[in-house]
Amino acid sequence: MSPRQKMINLMYIVLTAMLALNVSSDVLNGFTQVEDGLARTNATVATRNDAILARLTDFADRNPEKGNPWLVKAREVADATAAMIATVDSLKLSIVRAADGSDADVADIRNRDDLEAASVVMLNPASLRGAKLRGEVDTYRDFIESFITDSTKRAAVDTALSTAPLTDRIMGIKRLWEEAKFENQPVVAAVTLLTKLQNDIRFAEGEALSSLLANVDAGDVRVNELNAFVIPDSRLVMRGEKYSANIVLAAVDTTARPVITVGGRTLPASAAGRYEFVASQTGSFDYSGSLDVTHGDGTVTSHPFSSSYVVMEPSATVSATMMNVLYAGIDNPVSISVPGVPTGGVTASMTNGTLTRSGDGWTARPDKVGSDAVITVSAALSGGTPQNVATTTFRVRALPDPTAYIAIGDERFRGGRMLPKAQLLAAKGLGAAIDDGMLNIDFKVVSFETIFYDSMGNVIPELSDGSSFSRRQLDQFRRLSRGKRFFISRIKAVGPDGKERTLPAALEVIVG
């Protein structure tokens, strides 16, 4: 090919390229018309979305507890949408300024056919504003879809705001979303595409707001039966204490009973919410569980609960008013209880002595004989302020004298029969105790005296070695023959009250 022909071919190629770059005014006018139509649509959709938000606001004002949670979410959607619209508006202004200069007006674009402005703004490798816009659209789309429960509407929003790579119809290769949208696009086309994006954003906002408005009542539980119940804090009230009860309206759906679980065990549907069991042991007990309710939108909410109860032994108190006696100087066991109140909720005090708790019982220790001891009992029901519920007066007496005995193994010999001589010699000494079935108190014998009679009838006294028989006493025992007797007298003993006393009664022993 000659140099001349090469020159002609090159000029033809340049001319063809120039013709390709020259966008016709009809196409540019078409984009302008589309832009105007989209702008009007955006305004209409925005008005509709504002109306939905106003309905949610009005409902929340009338029913804050129910409406406020949904209104908060709706405002989050509106705020996110406003931020996205503002971001797109700033990009449109930046593209028009790149084409028309700093005095550019998006509503009146002078260089509508500029093919570089959109690429310079959106595809600049330094600012990456197109890639950033793609990321913001992805974030917004995921945020909006989290509020849409309808899968079909959610799929529509996903399609409208998709930023997946697009396939070039001429080259047949995939290109990034921002490259396919803004590379070599006239300014008016780029602005129109961004307005279309705003339209999709408004559409997504409307779907989310509509879903939130629909969901205000979707989670409500439908009922077909209303019952009134009185739930007292306690059915047992002491005189002077406040009676408290909650009077409530219970709404139930007899066609869809909730699932009730108590202590890991699910109640049968036939129980109709009634929890019953047989109490097997006494004390205070707690229990807890959950009530699962299925709502109209298919969601299930779990509502935990807990309560407590007190189990007491079946009992009746019978007391003789003439026998209210405490013994001075010793620990007297006392039983104190208040029906309906656990042991830990009962307090008591005593005059003329001390009163202390001992396990589940009490121990009273009076000080002065002859002065009454008054026990005052206080208790509180249902967590109220403790108050006096009983006052009992006890007469304080000295311990009665014990009875002396000779310890023969596990047996206590107190006379009245013959005592074998071998058992007598095996005995260690003398003891004393009150063991009449009401009191069981041991005394310590300090000393005693044995009285023997010789053949002439003379009295032979012998002193003990403390509580033990002395050697001389044991020698006398060995000399006694069957049928002989001796006496133990002047027995001195000390009780738990610390007082020493001489027992008035003598112990007669007949050797067998």
Protein backbone atom coordinates (compact mmCIF):
# COMPACT_ATOMS: atom_id res chain seq x y z
CA MET A 1 0.00 0.00 0.00
CA SER A 2 1.37 3.38 -1.01
CA PRO A 3 2.03 6.13 1.54
CA ARG A 4 -0.79 8.16 0.03
CA GLN A 5 -3.28 5.33 0.47
CA LYS A 6 -2.13 4.81 4.07
CA MET A 7 -2.76 8.51 4.76
CA ILE A 8 -6.27 8.33 3.28
CA ASN A 9 -7.11 5.25 5.38
CA LEU A 10 -5.83 6.92 8.57
CA MET A 11 -7.94 10.03 7.93
CA TYR A 12 -10.98 7.80 7.39
CA ILE A 13 -10.41 6.06 10.71
CA VAL A 14 -10.11 9.41 12.56
CA LEU A 15 -13.30 10.70 10.92
CA THR A 16 -15.19 7.55 11.85
CA ALA A 17 -14.06 7.90 15.50
CA MET A 18 -15.14 11.53 15.59
CA LEU A 19 -18.58 10.60 14.26
CA ALA A 20 -18.86 7.89 16.93
CA LEU A 21 -18.04 10.34 19.68
CA ASN A 22 -20.61 12.85 18.51
CA VAL A 23 -23.82 12.04 20.44
CA SER A 24 -26.90 13.28 18.63
CA SER A 25 -29.02 15.99 20.23
CA ASP A 26 -32.10 13.75 19.99
CA VAL A 27 -30.46 11.18 22.29
CA LEU A 28 -29.40 13.88 24.71
CA ASN A 29 -32.92 15.32 24.76
CA GLY A 30 -34.28 11.85 25.42
CA PHE A 31 -32.08 11.49 28.53
CA THR A 32 -33.24 14.89 29.71
CA GLN A 33 -36.88 13.84 29.43
CA VAL A 34 -36.18 10.60 31.29
CA GLU A 35 -34.37 12.56 34.01
CA ASP A 36 -37.37 14.88 34.45
CA GLY A 37 -39.77 11.94 34.66
CA LEU A 38 -37.64 10.14 37.24
CA ALA A 39 -37.38 13.31 39.31
CA ARG A 40 -41.18 13.61 39.40
CA THR A 41 -41.50 9.91 40.31
CA ASN A 42 -38.98 10.33 43.12
CA ALA A 43 -40.98 13.22 44.55
CA THR A 44 -44.19 11.16 44.43
CA VAL A 45 -42.60 8.13 46.08
CA ALA A 46 -41.01 10.34 48.75
CA THR A 47 -44.44 11.82 49.54
CA ARG A 48 -45.93 8.33 49.85
CA ASN A 49 -43.11 7.22 52.15
CA ASP A 50 -43.56 10.32 54.31
CA ALA A 51 -47.25 9.46 54.63
CA ILE A 52 -46.40 5.95 55.88
CA LEU A 53 -43.96 7.42 58.40
CA ALA A 54 -46.65 9.88 59.54
CA ARG A 55 -49.09 6.99 60.15
CA LEU A 56 -46.50 5.20 62.28
CA THR A 57 -45.81 8.41 64.20
CA ASP A 58 -49.53 8.95 64.87
CA PHE A 59 -49.95 5.36 66.08
CA ALA A 60 -46.92 5.68 68.38
CA ASP A 61 -48.37 8.88 69.86
CA ARG A 62 -51.62 7.04 70.67
CA ASN A 63 -49.99 3.82 71.84
CA PRO A 64 -46.34 4.51 72.75
CA GLU A 65 -45.62 1.12 74.28
CA LYS A 66 -46.68 -0.74 71.17
CA GLY A 67 -45.83 1.79 68.46
CA ASN A 68 -42.52 3.29 69.60
CA PRO A 69 -40.35 0.23 68.82
CA TRP A 70 -41.61 0.22 65.21
CA LEU A 71 -41.37 4.01 64.89
CA VAL A 72 -37.72 3.90 65.98
CA LYS A 73 -36.97 1.38 63.22
CA ALA A 74 -38.90 3.44 60.64
CA ARG A 75 -36.89 6.54 61.49
CA GLU A 76 -33.69 4.56 61.12
CA VAL A 77 -34.84 3.61 57.60
CA ALA A 78 -35.75 7.22 56.79
CA ASP A 79 -32.41 8.53 58.08
CA ALA A 80 -30.42 5.96 56.09
CA THR A 81 -32.43 6.80 52.95
CA ALA A 82 -31.90 10.54 53.38
CA ALA A 83 -28.17 9.97 53.71
CA MET A 84 -28.07 7.88 50.51
CA ILE A 85 -30.14 10.47 48.57
CA ALA A 86 -27.78 13.22 49.73
CA THR A 87 -24.74 11.18 48.67
CA VAL A 88 -26.14 10.64 45.17
CA ASP A 89 -27.09 14.33 44.86
CA SER A 90 -23.51 15.33 45.70
CA LEU A 91 -22.18 12.98 43.00
CA LYS A 92 -24.55 14.42 40.37
CA LEU A 93 -23.40 17.93 41.24
CA SER A 94 -19.72 16.89 41.07
CA ILE A 95 -20.20 15.38 37.57
CA VAL A 96 -22.02 18.46 36.23
CA ARG A 97 -19.35 20.75 37.70
CA ALA A 98 -16.65 18.68 36.03
CA ALA A 99 -18.40 19.39 32.70
CA ASP A 100 -19.75 22.95 33.17
CA GLY A 101 -17.48 24.45 35.79
CA SER A 102 -18.04 25.70 39.34
CA ASP A 103 -21.26 27.55 38.41
CA ALA A 104 -22.88 24.37 37.14
CA ASP A 105 -26.60 23.65 37.66
CA VAL A 106 -27.84 20.06 37.66
CA ALA A 107 -31.24 21.24 36.42
CA ASP A 108 -29.65 23.04 33.44
CA ILE A 109 -26.64 21.13 32.06
CA ARG A 110 -24.80 22.99 29.32
CA ASN A 111 -22.29 20.33 28.19
CA ARG A 112 -24.70 17.43 28.19
CA ASP A 113 -22.58 15.45 25.72
CA ASP A 114 -19.34 15.61 27.74
CA LEU A 115 -17.99 12.03 27.80
CA GLU A 116 -15.18 12.54 30.31
CA ALA A 117 -16.80 14.21 33.32
CA ALA A 118 -18.56 11.07 34.63
CA SER A 119 -15.42 8.95 34.32
CA VAL A 120 -13.25 11.62 35.96
CA VAL A 121 -15.57 11.85 38.98
CA MET A 122 -16.68 8.25 39.41
CA LEU A 123 -13.69 6.24 38.18
CA ASN A 124 -10.80 8.37 39.44
CA PRO A 125 -8.32 5.86 40.97
CA ALA A 126 -7.39 8.40 43.63
CA SER A 127 -10.91 9.01 45.01
CA LEU A 128 -12.69 5.78 43.92
CA ARG A 129 -16.05 7.49 44.38
CA GLY A 130 -17.76 4.95 42.17
CA ALA A 131 -16.46 2.01 44.21
CA LYS A 132 -17.42 3.78 47.41
CA LEU A 133 -20.93 4.37 46.07
CA ARG A 134 -21.20 0.67 45.24
CA GLY A 135 -20.21 -0.23 48.83
CA GLU A 136 -22.72 2.23 50.28
CA VAL A 137 -25.49 0.83 48.09
CA ASP A 138 -24.63 -2.71 49.24
CA THR A 139 -24.72 -1.67 52.89
CA TYR A 140 -27.99 0.20 52.44
CA ARG A 141 -29.58 -2.71 50.58
CA ASP A 142 -28.70 -5.20 53.34
CA PHE A 143 -29.95 -2.77 55.99
CA ILE A 144 -33.29 -2.23 54.24
CA GLU A 145 -33.85 -5.95 53.59
CA SER A 146 -33.51 -6.67 57.32
CA PHE A 147 -36.85 -4.89 57.86
CA ILE A 148 -38.77 -6.64 55.05
CA THR A 149 -40.42 -9.91 56.08
CA ASP A 150 -42.02 -10.74 52.70
CA SER A 151 -39.56 -12.77 50.64
CA THR A 152 -40.99 -11.57 47.29
CA LYS A 153 -40.64 -7.91 48.23
CA ARG A 154 -37.18 -8.57 49.60
CA ALA A 155 -36.14 -10.16 46.29
CA ALA A 156 -37.51 -7.12 44.39
CA VAL A 157 -35.41 -4.76 46.50
CA ASP A 158 -32.38 -7.00 46.04
CA THR A 159 -32.80 -6.80 42.24
CA ALA A 160 -33.42 -3.04 42.17
CA LEU A 161 -30.32 -2.25 44.22
CA SER A 162 -28.05 -4.92 42.77
CA THR A 163 -24.43 -3.86 42.23
CA ALA A 164 -23.26 -7.15 40.73
CA PRO A 165 -20.77 -6.97 37.80
CA LEU A 166 -22.46 -6.39 34.42
CA THR A 167 -21.62 -8.12 31.11
CA ASP A 168 -20.54 -5.85 28.23
CA ARG A 169 -22.82 -6.72 25.29
CA ILE A 170 -20.18 -5.82 22.70
CA MET A 171 -17.02 -7.16 24.34
CA GLY A 172 -18.74 -10.04 26.17
CA ILE A 173 -16.74 -9.51 29.37
CA LYS A 174 -17.88 -8.70 32.92
CA ARG A 175 -17.23 -5.19 34.14
CA LEU A 176 -17.52 -3.66 37.57
CA TRP A 177 -20.86 -2.00 38.33
CA GLU A 178 -19.38 1.51 38.45
CA GLU A 179 -17.42 1.00 35.21
CA ALA A 180 -20.46 -0.29 33.32
CA LYS A 181 -22.58 2.61 34.59
CA PHE A 182 -20.25 5.62 34.22
CA GLU A 183 -17.37 4.90 31.82
CA ASN A 184 -17.65 7.01 28.59
CA GLN A 185 -21.17 8.12 29.53
CA PRO A 186 -22.42 11.58 28.57
CA VAL A 187 -23.04 13.84 31.54
CA VAL A 188 -26.80 13.82 31.07
CA ALA A 189 -26.83 9.99 30.93
CA ALA A 190 -24.71 9.68 34.10
CA VAL A 191 -27.02 12.11 35.96
CA THR A 192 -30.06 10.18 34.73
CA LEU A 193 -28.56 6.89 35.95
CA LEU A 194 -27.94 8.41 39.36
CA THR A 195 -31.53 9.72 39.48
CA LYS A 196 -32.69 6.20 38.60
CA LEU A 197 -30.60 4.93 41.54
CA GLN A 198 -32.38 7.45 43.80
CA ASN A 199 -35.69 6.12 42.49
CA ASP A 200 -34.65 2.57 43.44
CA ILE A 201 -33.59 3.80 46.88
CA ARG A 202 -36.99 5.44 47.42
CA PHE A 203 -38.68 2.23 46.27
CA ALA A 204 -36.68 0.19 48.78
CA GLU A 205 -37.49 2.69 51.55
CA GLY A 206 -41.20 2.38 50.79
CA GLU A 207 -41.11 -1.41 50.94
CA ALA A 208 -39.35 -1.31 54.32
CA LEU A 209 -41.74 1.29 55.78
CA SER A 210 -44.78 -0.64 54.51
CA SER A 211 -43.45 -3.82 56.10
CA LEU A 212 -42.89 -2.06 59.43
CA LEU A 213 -46.40 -0.59 59.36
CA ALA A 214 -47.87 -4.03 58.61
CA ASN A 215 -45.87 -5.62 61.40
CA VAL A 216 -47.25 -3.32 64.10
CA ASP A 217 -50.19 -5.69 64.59
CA ALA A 218 -48.71 -8.81 63.01
CA GLY A 219 -47.15 -9.97 66.27
CA ASP A 220 -50.35 -9.56 68.30
CA VAL A 221 -51.86 -12.60 69.94
CA ARG A 222 -55.43 -13.25 68.86
CA VAL A 223 -57.80 -14.15 71.70
CA ASN A 224 -61.34 -15.46 71.88
CA GLU A 225 -61.92 -15.61 75.63
CA LEU A 226 -61.56 -13.05 78.42
CA ASN A 227 -61.49 -13.99 82.11
CA ALA A 228 -61.04 -11.97 85.29
CA PHE A 229 -58.69 -13.32 87.96
CA VAL A 230 -57.74 -12.23 91.47
CA ILE A 231 -54.13 -13.10 92.28
CA PRO A 232 -53.36 -12.34 95.95
CA ASP A 233 -49.83 -11.89 97.24
CA SER A 234 -50.82 -14.32 99.97
CA ARG A 235 -54.04 -16.00 101.01
CA LEU A 236 -52.91 -15.87 104.65
CA VAL A 237 -52.97 -12.42 106.24
CA MET A 238 -52.24 -11.58 109.85
CA ARG A 239 -54.32 -9.09 111.77
CA GLY A 240 -52.96 -5.60 111.19
CA GLU A 241 -51.19 -6.54 107.95
CA LYS A 242 -52.16 -5.30 104.49
CA TYR A 243 -53.97 -7.62 102.09
CA SER A 244 -52.70 -7.20 98.53
CA ALA A 245 -54.05 -8.74 95.34
CA ASN A 246 -53.72 -8.12 91.61
CA ILE A 247 -57.05 -8.07 89.78
CA VAL A 248 -56.18 -8.85 86.16
CA LEU A 249 -57.90 -9.57 82.87
CA ALA A 250 -56.59 -12.75 81.28
CA ALA A 251 -57.08 -13.07 77.53
CA VAL A 252 -56.61 -16.51 76.03
CA ASP A 253 -57.01 -18.24 72.69
CA THR A 254 -58.67 -21.56 73.43
CA THR A 255 -57.81 -22.78 69.93
CA ALA A 256 -54.05 -22.23 70.33
CA ARG A 257 -52.81 -22.80 73.85
CA PRO A 258 -49.30 -21.57 74.70
CA VAL A 259 -46.59 -24.10 75.49
CA ILE A 260 -45.83 -23.96 79.23
CA THR A 261 -42.64 -25.44 80.64
CA VAL A 262 -41.99 -25.64 84.39
CA GLY A 263 -38.68 -26.93 85.72
CA GLY A 264 -37.82 -28.47 82.35
CA ARG A 265 -41.15 -30.35 82.12
CA THR A 266 -43.79 -29.31 79.57
CA LEU A 267 -47.34 -29.20 80.88
CA PRO A 268 -49.87 -31.20 78.82
CA ALA A 269 -52.33 -29.17 76.74
CA SER A 270 -55.19 -30.71 78.71
CA ALA A 271 -53.93 -28.96 81.87
CA ALA A 272 -55.06 -25.62 80.35
CA GLY A 273 -52.24 -23.81 82.14
CA ARG A 274 -52.93 -25.26 85.59
CA TYR A 275 -49.78 -26.39 87.44
CA GLU A 276 -50.39 -28.96 90.17
CA PHE A 277 -48.23 -31.32 92.21
CA VAL A 278 -48.18 -33.07 95.57
CA ALA A 279 -45.87 -31.45 98.13
CA SER A 280 -43.64 -34.17 99.57
CA GLN A 281 -41.48 -32.22 101.98
CA THR A 282 -41.66 -29.10 104.09
CA GLY A 283 -39.74 -25.88 103.57
CA SER A 284 -39.53 -22.92 101.20
CA PHE A 285 -39.18 -23.71 97.50
CA ASP A 286 -38.72 -21.75 94.27
CA TYR A 287 -39.71 -22.77 90.76
CA SER A 288 -39.41 -21.17 87.33
CA GLY A 289 -40.25 -21.82 83.72
CA SER A 290 -41.34 -20.23 80.48
CA LEU A 291 -44.51 -19.65 78.47
CA ASP A 292 -44.02 -19.77 74.68
CA VAL A 293 -46.62 -17.91 72.58
CA THR A 294 -47.04 -18.22 68.81
CA HIS A 295 -48.01 -14.90 67.19
CA GLY A 296 -50.06 -14.17 64.12
CA ASP A 297 -46.96 -13.66 61.98
CA GLY A 298 -45.62 -17.09 62.91
CA THR A 299 -42.99 -15.85 65.34
CA VAL A 300 -42.71 -17.38 68.81
CA THR A 301 -41.88 -15.37 71.92
CA SER A 302 -40.81 -16.91 75.21
CA HIS A 303 -41.94 -15.30 78.46
CA PRO A 304 -40.05 -16.48 81.59
CA PHE A 305 -41.72 -16.61 85.00
CA SER A 306 -40.78 -17.60 88.53
CA SER A 307 -42.58 -18.04 91.85
CA SER A 308 -42.18 -19.66 95.25
CA TYR A 309 -44.20 -21.54 97.81
CA VAL A 310 -43.96 -22.69 101.44
CA VAL A 311 -44.88 -26.21 102.58
CA MET A 312 -45.75 -26.74 106.26
CA GLU A 313 -46.51 -29.86 108.22
CA PRO A 314 -50.20 -30.37 109.05
CA SER A 315 -50.32 -29.42 112.70
CA ALA A 316 -52.42 -28.25 115.61
CA THR A 317 -51.19 -26.61 118.79
CA VAL A 318 -52.62 -27.82 122.08
CA SER A 319 -51.28 -26.32 125.30
CA ALA A 320 -52.31 -26.27 128.95
CA THR A 321 -52.45 -22.68 130.15
CA MET A 322 -51.53 -23.74 133.71
CA MET A 323 -48.26 -25.37 132.62
CA ASN A 324 -46.43 -22.40 131.11
CA VAL A 325 -43.26 -22.94 133.15
CA LEU A 326 -39.57 -22.33 132.41
CA TYR A 327 -36.76 -23.42 134.69
CA ALA A 328 -34.14 -20.88 135.67
CA GLY A 329 -30.48 -21.37 134.89
CA ILE A 330 -30.89 -24.06 132.24
CA ASP A 331 -31.64 -24.24 128.51
CA ASN A 332 -35.36 -24.77 127.97
CA PRO A 333 -36.28 -25.92 124.43
CA VAL A 334 -39.14 -23.85 123.00
CA SER A 335 -41.04 -24.37 119.76
CA ILE A 336 -42.14 -21.17 117.99
CA SER A 337 -43.99 -21.16 114.66
CA VAL A 338 -46.38 -18.92 112.77
CA PRO A 339 -48.71 -20.57 110.21
CA GLY A 340 -47.87 -19.47 106.70
CA VAL A 341 -44.48 -18.02 107.61
CA PRO A 342 -41.24 -19.98 107.11
CA THR A 343 -39.00 -20.50 110.11
CA GLY A 344 -36.50 -17.93 108.87
CA GLY A 345 -39.21 -15.25 108.76
CA VAL A 346 -40.05 -15.54 112.48
CA THR A 347 -38.25 -13.52 115.18
CA ALA A 348 -38.74 -13.66 118.94
CA SER A 349 -37.44 -12.03 122.13
CA MET A 350 -37.78 -12.72 125.86
CA THR A 351 -37.69 -10.77 129.10
CA ASN A 352 -35.90 -12.06 132.25
CA GLY A 353 -33.35 -14.06 130.30
CA THR A 354 -32.14 -14.87 126.82
CA LEU A 355 -33.87 -16.49 123.84
CA THR A 356 -31.74 -17.85 121.00
CA ARG A 357 -32.49 -19.74 117.81
CA SER A 358 -31.31 -23.35 117.76
CA GLY A 359 -31.79 -24.93 114.33
CA ASP A 360 -35.51 -24.92 113.64
CA GLY A 361 -36.27 -24.43 117.34
CA TRP A 362 -35.45 -21.97 120.11
CA THR A 363 -33.72 -22.13 123.49
CA ALA A 364 -34.95 -20.04 126.43
CA ARG A 365 -32.70 -19.49 129.44
CA PRO A 366 -34.44 -17.53 132.22
CA ASP A 367 -32.38 -15.72 134.85
CA LYS A 368 -34.41 -14.96 137.97
CA VAL A 369 -36.72 -17.35 139.80
CA GLY A 370 -40.09 -15.87 140.75
CA SER A 371 -40.18 -13.28 137.94
CA ASP A 372 -42.20 -14.04 134.79
CA ALA A 373 -40.51 -14.45 131.42
CA VAL A 374 -42.47 -12.94 128.52
CA ILE A 375 -41.77 -14.24 124.99
CA THR A 376 -42.85 -11.93 122.15
CA VAL A 377 -43.07 -13.37 118.62
CA SER A 378 -42.90 -11.21 115.46
CA ALA A 379 -43.39 -12.22 111.84
CA ALA A 380 -44.21 -10.73 108.44
CA LEU A 381 -46.31 -12.14 105.62
CA SER A 382 -45.74 -11.32 101.94
CA GLY A 383 -42.61 -9.29 102.65
CA GLY A 384 -44.41 -6.79 104.89
CA THR A 385 -43.03 -5.06 107.96
CA PRO A 386 -42.58 -7.51 110.90
CA GLN A 387 -45.19 -7.11 113.59
CA ASN A 388 -46.01 -8.73 116.91
CA VAL A 389 -48.22 -11.76 116.42
CA ALA A 390 -48.14 -13.39 119.86
CA THR A 391 -47.08 -12.75 123.46
CA THR A 392 -46.82 -15.63 125.94
CA THR A 393 -46.02 -15.37 129.64
CA PHE A 394 -44.09 -18.15 131.42
CA ARG A 395 -43.60 -18.60 135.14
CA VAL A 396 -39.96 -19.11 136.08
CA ARG A 397 -39.26 -21.82 138.62
CA ALA A 398 -36.16 -23.37 140.14
CA LEU A 399 -35.24 -26.85 139.01
CA PRO A 400 -36.89 -29.52 141.18
CA ASP A 401 -34.68 -31.86 143.20
CA PRO A 402 -33.38 -34.88 141.30
CA THR A 403 -33.67 -38.50 142.38
CA ALA A 404 -30.54 -40.35 143.43
CA TYR A 405 -29.69 -43.73 141.93
CA ILE A 406 -26.98 -46.39 141.81
CA ALA A 407 -25.81 -46.99 138.24
CA ILE A 408 -25.96 -50.74 137.53
CA GLY A 409 -24.81 -50.94 133.92
CA ASP A 410 -27.48 -49.17 131.90
CA GLU A 411 -29.97 -49.49 134.74
CA ARG A 412 -30.62 -46.91 137.41
CA PHE A 413 -31.37 -48.54 140.78
CA ARG A 414 -33.59 -46.35 142.98
CA GLY A 415 -34.64 -48.94 145.62
CA GLY A 416 -37.90 -50.76 145.97
CA ARG A 417 -36.37 -54.16 145.37
CA MET A 418 -33.37 -56.24 146.46
CA LEU A 419 -30.00 -55.44 144.91
CA PRO A 420 -27.63 -58.42 144.40
CA LYS A 421 -24.43 -58.00 146.34
CA ALA A 422 -22.28 -58.64 143.24
CA GLN A 423 -23.97 -55.77 141.39
CA LEU A 424 -23.57 -53.52 144.40
CA LEU A 425 -19.82 -54.17 144.58
CA ALA A 426 -19.49 -53.60 140.82
CA ALA A 427 -21.18 -50.22 140.99
CA LYS A 428 -18.94 -47.17 140.87
CA GLY A 429 -20.94 -44.80 142.96
CA LEU A 430 -24.02 -42.64 143.03
CA GLY A 431 -25.75 -40.49 140.40
CA ALA A 432 -28.74 -38.18 140.38
CA ALA A 433 -31.11 -37.00 137.65
CA ILE A 434 -34.55 -35.70 136.78
CA ASP A 435 -35.92 -38.18 134.24
CA ASP A 436 -39.62 -38.16 134.82
CA GLY A 437 -40.58 -38.06 131.14
CA MET A 438 -40.91 -34.27 130.97
CA LEU A 439 -37.40 -33.26 131.98
CA ASN A 440 -34.22 -35.15 131.26
CA ILE A 441 -31.53 -33.41 133.31
CA ASP A 442 -28.47 -34.98 134.87
CA PHE A 443 -26.98 -33.71 138.14
CA LYS A 444 -23.48 -34.20 139.47
CA VAL A 445 -23.30 -35.83 142.92
CA VAL A 446 -20.80 -34.02 145.12
CA SER A 447 -20.94 -36.24 148.23
CA PHE A 448 -23.19 -38.62 150.14
CA GLU A 449 -23.22 -40.70 153.32
CA THR A 450 -24.05 -44.37 153.88
CA ILE A 451 -25.71 -45.50 157.15
CA PHE A 452 -25.05 -49.08 158.40
CA TYR A 453 -26.24 -50.80 161.59
CA ASP A 454 -24.15 -53.28 163.59
CA SER A 455 -25.51 -56.23 165.51
CA MET A 456 -26.13 -54.00 168.54
CA GLY A 457 -28.17 -51.53 166.43
CA ASN A 458 -25.50 -48.90 166.50
CA VAL A 459 -25.33 -46.53 163.54
CA ILE A 460 -22.14 -46.67 161.47
CA PRO A 461 -21.95 -43.70 159.03
CA GLU A 462 -19.41 -43.67 156.21
CA LEU A 463 -18.59 -40.76 153.87
CA SER A 464 -18.20 -41.17 150.10
CA ASP A 465 -15.28 -40.25 147.92
CA GLY A 466 -17.13 -37.60 145.92
CA SER A 467 -19.71 -39.37 143.80
CA SER A 468 -17.89 -42.71 144.15
CA PHE A 469 -18.10 -45.27 146.93
CA SER A 470 -15.15 -44.95 149.32
CA ARG A 471 -12.95 -47.90 150.31
CA ARG A 472 -14.56 -48.05 153.75
CA GLN A 473 -18.03 -48.10 152.19
CA LEU A 474 -17.03 -50.97 149.89
CA ASP A 475 -15.65 -52.86 152.94
CA GLN A 476 -19.00 -52.44 154.66
CA PHE A 477 -20.77 -53.76 151.53
CA ARG A 478 -18.68 -56.92 151.63
CA ARG A 479 -19.69 -57.60 155.28
CA LEU A 480 -23.39 -57.38 154.52
CA SER A 481 -25.31 -60.64 154.31
CA ARG A 482 -28.43 -61.33 152.30
CA GLY A 483 -31.43 -59.41 153.57
CA LYS A 484 -29.38 -56.74 155.29
CA ARG A 485 -30.06 -53.16 154.40
CA PHE A 486 -28.38 -49.78 154.57
CA PHE A 487 -29.35 -46.22 153.68
CA ILE A 488 -27.76 -43.53 151.54
CA SER A 489 -28.54 -40.04 152.81
CA ARG A 490 -27.27 -36.46 152.94
CA ILE A 491 -26.82 -36.60 149.19
CA LYS A 492 -25.46 -33.34 147.79
CA ALA A 493 -25.72 -32.65 144.04
CA VAL A 494 -25.12 -29.77 141.62
CA GLY A 495 -27.43 -29.22 138.63
CA PRO A 496 -26.83 -27.39 135.31
CA ASP A 497 -27.97 -24.20 137.01
CA GLY A 498 -24.81 -24.39 139.15
CA LYS A 499 -26.65 -24.53 142.45
CA GLU A 500 -25.74 -27.16 145.03
CA ARG A 501 -28.60 -28.82 146.88
CA THR A 502 -29.06 -31.57 149.51
CA LEU A 503 -31.61 -34.14 148.46
CA PRO A 504 -34.28 -34.63 151.11
CA ALA A 505 -35.01 -38.27 150.33
CA ALA A 506 -32.72 -41.16 151.40
CA LEU A 507 -32.09 -44.20 149.23
CA GLU A 508 -32.75 -47.58 150.92
CA VAL A 509 -30.72 -50.54 149.64
CA ILE A 510 -31.55 -54.18 150.56
CA VAL A 511 -28.77 -56.62 149.73
CA GLY A 512 -29.96 -59.66 147.78
